PDB file of all heavy atoms in Angstrom:
ATOM      1  N   SER A   1       0.814  -1.221   0.000  1.00  0.00           N
ATOM      2  CA  SER A   1       0.000   0.000   0.000  1.00  0.00           C
ATOM      3  C   SER A   1       0.846   1.269   0.000  1.00  0.00           C
ATOM      4  O   SER A   1       0.442   2.291  -0.541  1.00  0.00           O
ATOM      5  CB  SER A   1      -0.922   0.043   1.222  1.00  0.00           C
ATOM      6  OG  SER A   1      -1.900  -0.950   1.134  1.00  0.00           O
ATOM      7  N   VAL A   2       2.014   1.201   0.647  1.00  0.00           N
ATOM      8  CA  VAL A   2       2.919   2.342   0.716  1.00  0.00           C
ATOM      9  C   VAL A   2       4.097   2.059  -0.212  1.00  0.00           C
ATOM     10  O   VAL A   2       4.791   1.057  -0.048  1.00  0.00           O
ATOM     11  CB  VAL A   2       3.428   2.576   2.155  1.00  0.00           C
ATOM     12  CG1 VAL A   2       4.451   3.702   2.186  1.00  0.00           C
ATOM     13  CG2 VAL A   2       2.269   2.877   3.094  1.00  0.00           C
ATOM     14  N   VAL A   3       4.275   2.928  -1.191  1.00  0.00           N
ATOM     15  CA  VAL A   3       5.374   2.796  -2.145  1.00  0.00           C
ATOM     16  C   VAL A   3       6.019   4.172  -2.292  1.00  0.00           C
ATOM     17  O   VAL A   3       5.323   5.174  -2.452  1.00  0.00           O
ATOM     18  CB  VAL A   3       4.881   2.296  -3.516  1.00  0.00           C
ATOM     19  CG1 VAL A   3       6.050   2.136  -4.488  1.00  0.00           C
ATOM     20  CG2 VAL A   3       4.118   0.987  -3.380  1.00  0.00           C
ATOM     21  N   PHE A   4       7.342   4.203  -2.220  1.00  0.00           N
ATOM     22  CA  PHE A   4       8.054   5.470  -2.385  1.00  0.00           C
ATOM     23  C   PHE A   4       9.446   5.197  -2.930  1.00  0.00           C
ATOM     24  O   PHE A   4       9.884   4.054  -3.039  1.00  0.00           O
ATOM     25  CB  PHE A   4       8.106   6.255  -1.069  1.00  0.00           C
ATOM     26  CG  PHE A   4       8.850   5.572   0.045  1.00  0.00           C
ATOM     27  CD1 PHE A   4      10.167   5.894   0.329  1.00  0.00           C
ATOM     28  CD2 PHE A   4       8.228   4.613   0.831  1.00  0.00           C
ATOM     29  CE1 PHE A   4      10.851   5.273   1.355  1.00  0.00           C
ATOM     30  CE2 PHE A   4       8.900   3.995   1.871  1.00  0.00           C
ATOM     31  CZ  PHE A   4      10.213   4.319   2.134  1.00  0.00           C
ATOM     32  N   ARG A   5      10.127   6.279  -3.267  1.00  0.00           N
ATOM     33  CA  ARG A   5      11.479   6.184  -3.797  1.00  0.00           C
ATOM     34  C   ARG A   5      12.343   7.200  -3.058  1.00  0.00           C
ATOM     35  O   ARG A   5      11.910   8.335  -2.831  1.00  0.00           O
ATOM     36  CB  ARG A   5      11.471   6.477  -5.300  1.00  0.00           C
ATOM     37  CG  ARG A   5      12.824   6.387  -5.968  1.00  0.00           C
ATOM     38  CD  ARG A   5      12.741   6.553  -7.483  1.00  0.00           C
ATOM     39  NE  ARG A   5      12.116   5.358  -8.060  1.00  0.00           N
ATOM     40  CZ  ARG A   5      10.925   5.333  -8.654  1.00  0.00           C
ATOM     41  NH1 ARG A   5      10.210   6.428  -8.760  1.00  0.00           N
ATOM     42  NH2 ARG A   5      10.437   4.220  -9.156  1.00  0.00           N
ATOM     43  N   VAL A   6      13.546   6.791  -2.719  1.00  0.00           N
ATOM     44  CA  VAL A   6      14.556   7.702  -2.172  1.00  0.00           C
ATOM     45  C   VAL A   6      15.426   8.084  -3.362  1.00  0.00           C
ATOM     46  O   VAL A   6      16.062   7.229  -3.970  1.00  0.00           O
ATOM     47  CB  VAL A   6      15.388   7.040  -1.053  1.00  0.00           C
ATOM     48  CG1 VAL A   6      16.428   8.010  -0.515  1.00  0.00           C
ATOM     49  CG2 VAL A   6      14.479   6.549   0.074  1.00  0.00           C
ATOM     50  N   THR A   7      15.426   9.375  -3.706  1.00  0.00           N
ATOM     51  CA  THR A   7      16.034   9.819  -4.967  1.00  0.00           C
ATOM     52  C   THR A   7      17.493  10.235  -4.844  1.00  0.00           C
ATOM     53  O   THR A   7      18.095  10.633  -5.844  1.00  0.00           O
ATOM     54  CB  THR A   7      15.224  10.977  -5.571  1.00  0.00           C
ATOM     55  OG1 THR A   7      15.245  12.080  -4.658  1.00  0.00           O
ATOM     56  CG2 THR A   7      13.790  10.550  -5.854  1.00  0.00           C
ATOM     57  N   SER A   8      18.068  10.140  -3.657  1.00  0.00           N
ATOM     58  CA  SER A   8      19.480  10.460  -3.487  1.00  0.00           C
ATOM     59  C   SER A   8      20.116   9.384  -2.609  1.00  0.00           C
ATOM     60  O   SER A   8      19.406   8.661  -1.899  1.00  0.00           O
ATOM     61  CB  SER A   8      19.640  11.835  -2.838  1.00  0.00           C
ATOM     62  OG  SER A   8      19.157  11.797  -1.516  1.00  0.00           O
ATOM     63  N   PRO A   9      21.430   9.270  -2.633  1.00  0.00           N
ATOM     64  CA  PRO A   9      22.084   8.288  -1.764  1.00  0.00           C
ATOM     65  C   PRO A   9      21.853   8.637  -0.292  1.00  0.00           C
ATOM     66  O   PRO A   9      21.681   9.809   0.066  1.00  0.00           O
ATOM     67  CB  PRO A   9      23.566   8.423  -2.113  1.00  0.00           C
ATOM     68  CG  PRO A   9      23.605   9.103  -3.437  1.00  0.00           C
ATOM     69  CD  PRO A   9      22.379   9.972  -3.488  1.00  0.00           C
ATOM     70  N   PHE A  10      21.843   7.610   0.557  1.00  0.00           N
ATOM     71  CA  PHE A  10      21.747   7.865   1.996  1.00  0.00           C
ATOM     72  C   PHE A  10      22.991   8.614   2.459  1.00  0.00           C
ATOM     73  O   PHE A  10      24.101   8.377   1.973  1.00  0.00           O
ATOM     74  CB  PHE A  10      21.612   6.566   2.781  1.00  0.00           C
ATOM     75  CG  PHE A  10      20.246   5.944   2.694  1.00  0.00           C
ATOM     76  CD1 PHE A  10      20.097   4.639   2.245  1.00  0.00           C
ATOM     77  CD2 PHE A  10      19.111   6.650   3.057  1.00  0.00           C
ATOM     78  CE1 PHE A  10      18.845   4.057   2.163  1.00  0.00           C
ATOM     79  CE2 PHE A  10      17.855   6.083   2.976  1.00  0.00           C
ATOM     80  CZ  PHE A  10      17.723   4.777   2.533  1.00  0.00           C
ATOM     81  N   ILE A  11      22.797   9.497   3.428  1.00  0.00           N
ATOM     82  CA  ILE A  11      23.880  10.268   4.023  1.00  0.00           C
ATOM     83  C   ILE A  11      24.655   9.399   5.009  1.00  0.00           C
ATOM     84  O   ILE A  11      25.871   9.463   5.098  1.00  0.00           O
ATOM     85  CB  ILE A  11      23.313  11.518   4.733  1.00  0.00           C
ATOM     86  CG1 ILE A  11      22.608  12.413   3.719  1.00  0.00           C
ATOM     87  CG2 ILE A  11      24.399  12.265   5.480  1.00  0.00           C
ATOM     88  CD1 ILE A  11      21.698  13.457   4.346  1.00  0.00           C
ATOM     89  N   SER A  12      23.929   8.571   5.744  1.00  0.00           N
ATOM     90  CA  SER A  12      24.523   7.649   6.710  1.00  0.00           C
ATOM     91  C   SER A  12      23.525   6.525   6.958  1.00  0.00           C
ATOM     92  O   SER A  12      22.365   6.608   6.548  1.00  0.00           O
ATOM     93  CB  SER A  12      24.865   8.366   8.019  1.00  0.00           C
ATOM     94  OG  SER A  12      23.685   8.792   8.670  1.00  0.00           O
ATOM     95  N   ALA A  13      24.005   5.489   7.623  1.00  0.00           N
ATOM     96  CA  ALA A  13      23.127   4.372   7.991  1.00  0.00           C
ATOM     97  C   ALA A  13      23.624   3.796   9.308  1.00  0.00           C
ATOM     98  O   ALA A  13      24.832   3.755   9.571  1.00  0.00           O
ATOM     99  CB  ALA A  13      23.118   3.307   6.902  1.00  0.00           C
ATOM    100  N   SER A  14      22.681   3.365  10.138  1.00  0.00           N
ATOM    101  CA  SER A  14      23.032   2.841  11.449  1.00  0.00           C
ATOM    102  C   SER A  14      22.013   1.800  11.895  1.00  0.00           C
ATOM    103  O   SER A  14      20.959   1.645  11.283  1.00  0.00           O
ATOM    104  CB  SER A  14      23.083   3.979  12.473  1.00  0.00           C
ATOM    105  OG  SER A  14      21.805   4.573  12.609  1.00  0.00           O
ATOM    106  N   ILE A  15      22.359   1.122  12.964  1.00  0.00           N
ATOM    107  CA  ILE A  15      21.441   0.186  13.611  1.00  0.00           C
ATOM    108  C   ILE A  15      21.189   0.717  15.009  1.00  0.00           C
ATOM    109  O   ILE A  15      22.124   0.899  15.797  1.00  0.00           O
ATOM    110  CB  ILE A  15      22.029  -1.238  13.668  1.00  0.00           C
ATOM    111  CG1 ILE A  15      22.338  -1.722  12.256  1.00  0.00           C
ATOM    112  CG2 ILE A  15      21.065  -2.185  14.389  1.00  0.00           C
ATOM    113  CD1 ILE A  15      23.150  -2.997  12.202  1.00  0.00           C
ATOM    114  N   CYS A  16      19.939   0.977  15.312  1.00  0.00           N
ATOM    115  CA  CYS A  16      19.564   1.550  16.608  1.00  0.00           C
ATOM    116  C   CYS A  16      18.971   0.464  17.503  1.00  0.00           C
ATOM    117  O   CYS A  16      18.130  -0.318  17.061  1.00  0.00           O
ATOM    118  CB  CYS A  16      18.561   2.679  16.414  1.00  0.00           C
ATOM    119  SG  CYS A  16      18.137   3.499  17.966  1.00  0.00           S
ATOM    120  N   HIS A  17      19.416   0.445  18.745  1.00  0.00           N
ATOM    121  CA  HIS A  17      18.938  -0.536  19.715  1.00  0.00           C
ATOM    122  C   HIS A  17      18.136   0.112  20.846  1.00  0.00           C
ATOM    123  O   HIS A  17      17.915  -0.518  21.887  1.00  0.00           O
ATOM    124  CB  HIS A  17      20.126  -1.307  20.308  1.00  0.00           C
ATOM    125  CG  HIS A  17      20.916  -2.043  19.284  1.00  0.00           C
ATOM    126  ND1 HIS A  17      20.553  -3.279  18.813  1.00  0.00           N
ATOM    127  CD2 HIS A  17      22.047  -1.700  18.614  1.00  0.00           C
ATOM    128  CE1 HIS A  17      21.429  -3.687  17.913  1.00  0.00           C
ATOM    129  NE2 HIS A  17      22.341  -2.742  17.770  1.00  0.00           N
ATOM    130  N   CYS A  18      17.677   1.343  20.650  1.00  0.00           N
ATOM    131  CA  CYS A  18      16.887   1.999  21.699  1.00  0.00           C
ATOM    132  C   CYS A  18      15.577   1.229  21.899  1.00  0.00           C
ATOM    133  O   CYS A  18      15.138   0.473  21.026  1.00  0.00           O
ATOM    134  CB  CYS A  18      16.624   3.460  21.361  1.00  0.00           C
ATOM    135  SG  CYS A  18      15.335   3.761  20.146  1.00  0.00           S
ATOM    136  N   THR A  19      14.978   1.423  23.032  1.00  0.00           N
ATOM    137  CA  THR A  19      13.749   0.709  23.360  1.00  0.00           C
ATOM    138  C   THR A  19      12.655   0.972  22.334  1.00  0.00           C
ATOM    139  O   THR A  19      11.930   0.062  21.941  1.00  0.00           O
ATOM    140  CB  THR A  19      13.274   1.111  24.769  1.00  0.00           C
ATOM    141  OG1 THR A  19      14.330   0.817  25.694  1.00  0.00           O
ATOM    142  CG2 THR A  19      12.036   0.351  25.178  1.00  0.00           C
ATOM    143  N   GLN A  20      12.525   2.215  21.871  1.00  0.00           N
ATOM    144  CA  GLN A  20      11.477   2.539  20.899  1.00  0.00           C
ATOM    145  C   GLN A  20      11.692   1.802  19.577  1.00  0.00           C
ATOM    146  O   GLN A  20      10.748   1.253  19.010  1.00  0.00           O
ATOM    147  CB  GLN A  20      11.425   4.042  20.663  1.00  0.00           C
ATOM    148  CG  GLN A  20      10.890   4.801  21.836  1.00  0.00           C
ATOM    149  CD  GLN A  20      10.780   6.277  21.543  1.00  0.00           C
ATOM    150  OE1 GLN A  20      10.969   6.743  20.414  1.00  0.00           O
ATOM    151  NE2 GLN A  20      10.464   7.059  22.562  1.00  0.00           N
ATOM    152  N   CYS A  21      12.912   1.769  19.082  1.00  0.00           N
ATOM    153  CA  CYS A  21      13.177   1.056  17.818  1.00  0.00           C
ATOM    154  C   CYS A  21      12.990  -0.443  17.989  1.00  0.00           C
ATOM    155  O   CYS A  21      12.469  -1.113  17.106  1.00  0.00           O
ATOM    156  CB  CYS A  21      14.579   1.371  17.308  1.00  0.00           C
ATOM    157  SG  CYS A  21      14.721   3.016  16.568  1.00  0.00           S
ATOM    158  N   ARG A  22      13.401  -0.974  19.136  1.00  0.00           N
ATOM    159  CA  ARG A  22      13.209  -2.402  19.379  1.00  0.00           C
ATOM    160  C   ARG A  22      11.721  -2.746  19.382  1.00  0.00           C
ATOM    161  O   ARG A  22      11.298  -3.746  18.794  1.00  0.00           O
ATOM    162  CB  ARG A  22      13.856  -2.800  20.702  1.00  0.00           C
ATOM    163  CG  ARG A  22      15.377  -2.828  20.600  1.00  0.00           C
ATOM    164  CD  ARG A  22      16.080  -3.151  21.907  1.00  0.00           C
ATOM    165  NE  ARG A  22      15.379  -4.128  22.699  1.00  0.00           N
ATOM    166  CZ  ARG A  22      15.260  -4.057  24.030  1.00  0.00           C
ATOM    167  NH1 ARG A  22      15.782  -3.063  24.699  1.00  0.00           N
ATOM    168  NH2 ARG A  22      14.625  -5.005  24.685  1.00  0.00           N
ATOM    169  N   LYS A  23      10.910  -1.927  20.006  1.00  0.00           N
ATOM    170  CA  LYS A  23       9.474  -2.198  20.056  1.00  0.00           C
ATOM    171  C   LYS A  23       8.809  -1.949  18.702  1.00  0.00           C
ATOM    172  O   LYS A  23       7.949  -2.718  18.280  1.00  0.00           O
ATOM    173  CB  LYS A  23       8.806  -1.358  21.140  1.00  0.00           C
ATOM    174  CG  LYS A  23       9.149  -1.852  22.537  1.00  0.00           C
ATOM    175  CD  LYS A  23       8.424  -1.066  23.592  1.00  0.00           C
ATOM    176  CE  LYS A  23       8.746  -1.576  24.971  1.00  0.00           C
ATOM    177  NZ  LYS A  23       8.051  -2.799  25.323  1.00  0.00           N
ATOM    178  N   THR A  24       9.207  -0.894  18.008  1.00  0.00           N
ATOM    179  CA  THR A  24       8.635  -0.592  16.700  1.00  0.00           C
ATOM    180  C   THR A  24       8.880  -1.718  15.703  1.00  0.00           C
ATOM    181  O   THR A  24       8.004  -2.068  14.920  1.00  0.00           O
ATOM    182  CB  THR A  24       9.238   0.720  16.144  1.00  0.00           C
ATOM    183  OG1 THR A  24       8.939   1.783  17.041  1.00  0.00           O
ATOM    184  CG2 THR A  24       8.687   1.047  14.778  1.00  0.00           C
ATOM    185  N   HIS A  25      10.074  -2.298  15.745  1.00  0.00           N
ATOM    186  CA  HIS A  25      10.456  -3.342  14.794  1.00  0.00           C
ATOM    187  C   HIS A  25      10.350  -4.746  15.381  1.00  0.00           C
ATOM    188  O   HIS A  25      10.657  -5.711  14.683  1.00  0.00           O
ATOM    189  CB  HIS A  25      11.874  -3.087  14.290  1.00  0.00           C
ATOM    190  CG  HIS A  25      11.969  -1.881  13.417  1.00  0.00           C
ATOM    191  ND1 HIS A  25      11.970  -1.963  12.050  1.00  0.00           N
ATOM    192  CD2 HIS A  25      12.034  -0.563  13.711  1.00  0.00           C
ATOM    193  CE1 HIS A  25      12.048  -0.738  11.543  1.00  0.00           C
ATOM    194  NE2 HIS A  25      12.079   0.125  12.531  1.00  0.00           N
ATOM    195  N   ALA A  26       9.934  -4.844  16.647  1.00  0.00           N
ATOM    196  CA  ALA A  26       9.784  -6.137  17.323  1.00  0.00           C
ATOM    197  C   ALA A  26      11.045  -6.983  17.193  1.00  0.00           C
ATOM    198  O   ALA A  26      10.997  -8.153  16.827  1.00  0.00           O
ATOM    199  CB  ALA A  26       8.562  -6.888  16.808  1.00  0.00           C
ATOM    200  N   GLY A  27      12.181  -6.379  17.492  1.00  0.00           N
ATOM    201  CA  GLY A  27      13.446  -7.096  17.378  1.00  0.00           C
ATOM    202  C   GLY A  27      14.515  -6.511  18.276  1.00  0.00           C
ATOM    203  O   GLY A  27      14.231  -5.740  19.194  1.00  0.00           O
ATOM    204  N   THR A  28      15.754  -6.854  17.978  1.00  0.00           N
ATOM    205  CA  THR A  28      16.882  -6.396  18.790  1.00  0.00           C
ATOM    206  C   THR A  28      17.352  -5.005  18.395  1.00  0.00           C
ATOM    207  O   THR A  28      18.166  -4.408  19.092  1.00  0.00           O
ATOM    208  CB  THR A  28      18.061  -7.373  18.668  1.00  0.00           C
ATOM    209  OG1 THR A  28      18.429  -7.465  17.297  1.00  0.00           O
ATOM    210  CG2 THR A  28      17.687  -8.740  19.209  1.00  0.00           C
ATOM    211  N   GLY A  29      16.859  -4.502  17.291  1.00  0.00           N
ATOM    212  CA  GLY A  29      17.233  -3.182  16.819  1.00  0.00           C
ATOM    213  C   GLY A  29      16.603  -2.915  15.472  1.00  0.00           C
ATOM    214  O   GLY A  29      15.858  -3.741  14.937  1.00  0.00           O
ATOM    215  N   ALA A  30      16.908  -1.770  14.919  1.00  0.00           N
ATOM    216  CA  ALA A  30      16.348  -1.369  13.629  1.00  0.00           C
ATOM    217  C   ALA A  30      17.421  -0.672  12.816  1.00  0.00           C
ATOM    218  O   ALA A  30      18.146   0.175  13.332  1.00  0.00           O
ATOM    219  CB  ALA A  30      15.168  -0.439  13.845  1.00  0.00           C
ATOM    220  N   ALA A  31      17.522  -1.026  11.538  1.00  0.00           N
ATOM    221  CA  ALA A  31      18.485  -0.403  10.636  1.00  0.00           C
ATOM    222  C   ALA A  31      17.790   0.723   9.871  1.00  0.00           C
ATOM    223  O   ALA A  31      16.707   0.539   9.315  1.00  0.00           O
ATOM    224  CB  ALA A  31      19.038  -1.437   9.659  1.00  0.00           C
TER     225      ALA A  31
END
């Protein structure tokens, strides 16, 4: 239902292990 395009390269990328990201993604972290 949701489709989009990122039209430029990412500036940075990381894996977050904060409680909110863990709960949002139901895992140990979120990239």
